Amino acid sequence: MTEERVILVNEKDEQIGLMPKMEAHEKALLHRAFSVFIFNNKNELMLQQRAAHKYHSPLLWANTCCSHQREGETNIEAGKRRLQEEMGFVAELEDTISFIYKAPFDNGLTEHEFDHVLIGNYEDAPIINPDEVAAWKWMPLEEVKEDMLKQPEIYTEWFKIIFDKFYEHINRG
């Protein structure tokens, strides 16, 4: 299988090229990504704990799922694809906000992403893919916020950035 390629973009989210995912993370080049936030009718967020063997941020808690769009794929199509691959379900998604962030990791890789935040609703338990996800849970947004302050080291960098900067956009309560 060929290595997944990410879409390199400029600061206006215009495609400027394609690159193998690992190379883009080694070179810290800006690329398109998405973060999915799934809520239930109690306004609880579905969190996932990343699998232990992930090449960055293993076993850290994050939003429901996230990944990179493929060439020719819309943000919504990519979000639905990845929800199915990681969490075993599909939900209707809304493309809400986007932002650029850069987060270096201890292993020498750097996430430098133009991240699109997608929000949807789902009521049932996921059927997690153990290659991608170690665990999952529903958690009220206020509890996530409080826990993030108490133990920030258990959450991914992008999840903390989204929570800090865009809480009002993801809080559907």
Protein backbone atom coordinates (compact mmCIF):
# COMPACT_ATOMS: atom_id res chain seq x y z
CA MET A 1 0.00 0.00 0.00
CA THR A 2 1.34 3.43 -0.89
CA GLU A 3 1.78 5.96 1.86
CA GLU A 4 -1.13 8.32 2.37
CA ARG A 5 -0.54 11.76 0.89
CA VAL A 6 -1.70 15.01 2.44
CA ILE A 7 -2.84 18.13 0.61
CA LEU A 8 -0.35 20.96 1.03
CA VAL A 9 -2.09 24.34 1.25
CA ASN A 10 -1.29 28.01 1.64
CA GLU A 11 -2.73 30.19 4.41
CA LYS A 12 -5.93 30.66 2.35
CA ASP A 13 -6.47 26.85 2.23
CA GLU A 14 -5.67 26.77 -1.49
CA GLN A 15 -4.03 23.52 -2.63
CA ILE A 16 -0.39 23.96 -3.63
CA GLY A 17 0.69 20.32 -3.83
CA LEU A 18 0.61 16.79 -2.43
CA MET A 19 3.17 15.10 -0.19
CA PRO A 20 3.50 11.82 1.70
CA LYS A 21 2.04 12.34 5.17
CA MET A 22 5.19 11.47 7.10
CA GLU A 23 7.35 13.80 4.98
CA ALA A 24 4.92 16.70 5.54
CA HIS A 25 5.13 16.09 9.30
CA GLU A 26 8.93 15.83 9.20
CA LYS A 27 9.20 19.12 7.27
CA ALA A 28 6.40 20.84 9.25
CA LEU A 29 4.63 21.92 6.04
CA LEU A 30 1.13 23.37 6.19
CA HIS A 31 -1.47 20.83 5.08
CA ARG A 32 -5.25 20.39 5.16
CA ALA A 33 -6.83 18.44 8.00
CA PHE A 34 -10.11 18.06 9.85
CA SER A 35 -11.30 17.44 13.40
CA VAL A 36 -14.71 15.83 14.00
CA PHE A 37 -16.73 16.54 17.15
CA ILE A 38 -19.72 14.25 17.71
CA PHE A 39 -22.31 15.16 20.36
CA ASN A 40 -25.30 13.28 21.74
CA ASN A 41 -28.63 14.86 22.71
CA LYS A 42 -27.31 15.54 26.25
CA ASN A 43 -24.60 17.79 24.71
CA GLU A 44 -21.92 15.28 25.69
CA LEU A 45 -18.90 15.02 23.43
CA MET A 46 -17.66 11.63 22.22
CA LEU A 47 -13.93 11.51 22.99
CA GLN A 48 -11.46 8.95 21.73
CA GLN A 49 -8.20 7.79 23.24
CA ARG A 50 -5.67 7.34 20.45
CA ALA A 51 -4.23 3.85 19.96
CA ALA A 52 -0.93 3.04 21.70
CA HIS A 53 1.03 2.53 18.47
CA LYS A 54 0.09 5.85 16.78
CA TYR A 55 3.23 7.64 15.53
CA HIS A 56 2.39 10.75 17.54
CA SER A 57 0.21 11.46 20.57
CA PRO A 58 -0.34 7.77 21.46
CA LEU A 59 -2.89 7.08 24.23
CA LEU A 60 -3.82 10.76 24.50
CA TRP A 61 -7.47 11.78 24.55
CA ALA A 62 -8.85 13.78 21.63
CA ASN A 63 -12.03 14.77 19.88
CA THR A 64 -14.12 12.06 18.19
CA CYS A 65 -11.76 11.66 15.23
CA CYS A 66 -9.43 13.58 12.99
CA SER A 67 -7.36 13.02 9.89
CA HIS A 68 -6.45 14.46 6.50
CA GLN A 69 -8.59 14.99 3.44
CA ARG A 70 -7.65 13.07 0.31
CA GLU A 71 -7.24 14.83 -3.03
CA GLY A 72 -10.67 15.58 -4.51
CA GLU A 73 -12.48 14.85 -1.24
CA THR A 74 -14.61 17.49 0.49
CA ASN A 75 -14.22 18.16 4.20
CA ILE A 76 -17.58 16.49 4.90
CA GLU A 77 -16.75 13.42 2.76
CA ALA A 78 -13.41 13.07 4.54
CA GLY A 79 -15.01 13.43 7.98
CA LYS A 80 -17.63 10.77 7.24
CA ARG A 81 -15.00 8.41 5.81
CA ARG A 82 -12.80 8.72 8.86
CA LEU A 83 -15.68 8.43 11.33
CA GLN A 84 -16.53 5.10 9.70
CA GLU A 85 -12.89 3.93 9.65
CA GLU A 86 -12.09 4.88 13.25
CA MET A 87 -15.41 4.80 15.12
CA GLY A 88 -17.57 2.46 13.03
CA PHE A 89 -20.44 4.84 12.26
CA VAL A 90 -21.38 7.74 10.00
CA ALA A 91 -23.24 10.91 10.99
CA GLU A 92 -24.32 14.06 9.22
CA LEU A 93 -21.62 16.70 9.70
CA GLU A 94 -21.53 20.49 9.57
CA ASP A 95 -18.36 22.30 8.46
CA THR A 96 -18.11 25.07 11.07
CA ILE A 97 -14.80 26.91 11.51
CA SER A 98 -11.21 26.47 10.43
CA PHE A 99 -7.87 27.61 11.81
CA ILE A 100 -4.13 27.10 11.41
CA TYR A 101 -2.02 25.60 14.17
CA LYS A 102 1.51 24.27 14.56
CA ALA A 103 2.44 21.73 17.23
CA PRO A 104 5.89 20.08 17.45
CA PHE A 105 6.10 16.64 19.05
CA ASP A 106 8.83 14.97 21.10
CA ASN A 107 9.60 12.54 18.27
CA GLY A 108 10.78 15.30 15.89
CA LEU A 109 7.56 15.46 13.89
CA THR A 110 5.38 18.57 13.68
CA GLU A 111 1.70 18.99 12.95
CA HIS A 112 1.19 22.17 10.92
CA GLU A 113 -2.40 22.07 9.83
CA PHE A 114 -5.17 24.08 8.28
CA ASP A 115 -7.78 22.34 10.40
CA HIS A 116 -11.52 22.27 9.56
CA VAL A 117 -13.79 21.64 12.56
CA LEU A 118 -16.75 19.39 11.69
CA ILE A 119 -19.65 18.90 14.11
CA GLY A 120 -22.35 16.21 14.14
CA ASN A 121 -24.73 14.24 16.34
CA TYR A 122 -24.97 10.55 17.19
CA GLU A 123 -26.67 8.71 20.04
CA ASP A 124 -25.28 5.17 20.06
CA ALA A 125 -22.01 3.55 21.11
CA PRO A 126 -19.33 3.43 18.42
CA ILE A 127 -17.72 0.23 17.17
CA ILE A 128 -14.11 1.36 17.53
CA ASN A 129 -11.27 0.23 15.29
CA PRO A 130 -8.56 -0.98 17.71
CA ASP A 131 -5.84 -0.09 15.17
CA GLU A 132 -6.85 3.55 15.59
CA VAL A 133 -8.62 3.90 18.94
CA ALA A 134 -7.78 2.52 22.39
CA ALA A 135 -10.97 3.68 24.18
CA TRP A 136 -13.85 6.12 23.97
CA LYS A 137 -16.30 7.90 26.28
CA TRP A 138 -19.08 10.48 26.36
CA MET A 139 -18.19 13.54 28.44
CA PRO A 140 -20.05 16.81 29.09
CA LEU A 141 -18.16 19.79 27.62
CA GLU A 142 -17.82 21.52 30.98
CA GLU A 143 -16.20 18.39 32.45
CA VAL A 144 -13.79 18.18 29.50
CA LYS A 145 -12.87 21.83 30.05
CA GLU A 146 -12.27 21.29 33.80
CA ASP A 147 -10.31 18.07 33.24
CA MET A 148 -8.15 19.74 30.61
CA LEU A 149 -7.11 22.32 33.20
CA LYS A 150 -6.36 19.64 35.83
CA GLN A 151 -4.45 17.22 33.60
CA PRO A 152 -3.58 18.80 30.23
CA GLU A 153 -0.92 16.16 29.57
CA ILE A 154 -3.56 13.51 28.77
CA TYR A 155 -5.03 15.50 25.83
CA THR A 156 -3.72 16.07 22.31
CA GLU A 157 -2.34 19.48 21.38
CA TRP A 158 -4.92 20.18 18.67
CA PHE A 159 -7.79 19.26 20.97
CA LYS A 160 -6.51 21.69 23.62
CA ILE A 161 -6.10 24.45 20.99
CA ILE A 162 -9.64 23.96 19.66
CA PHE A 163 -11.05 23.92 23.17
CA ASP A 164 -9.14 27.04 24.19
CA LYS A 165 -9.81 29.15 21.10
CA PHE A 166 -13.13 27.88 19.79
CA TYR A 167 -15.12 26.66 22.79
CA GLU A 168 -18.03 28.96 21.92
CA HIS A 169 -18.24 27.43 18.41
CA ILE A 170 -18.34 23.81 19.58
CA ASN A 171 -20.52 24.34 22.66
CA ARG A 172 -23.99 23.46 21.37
CA GLY A 173 -25.64 23.66 24.81
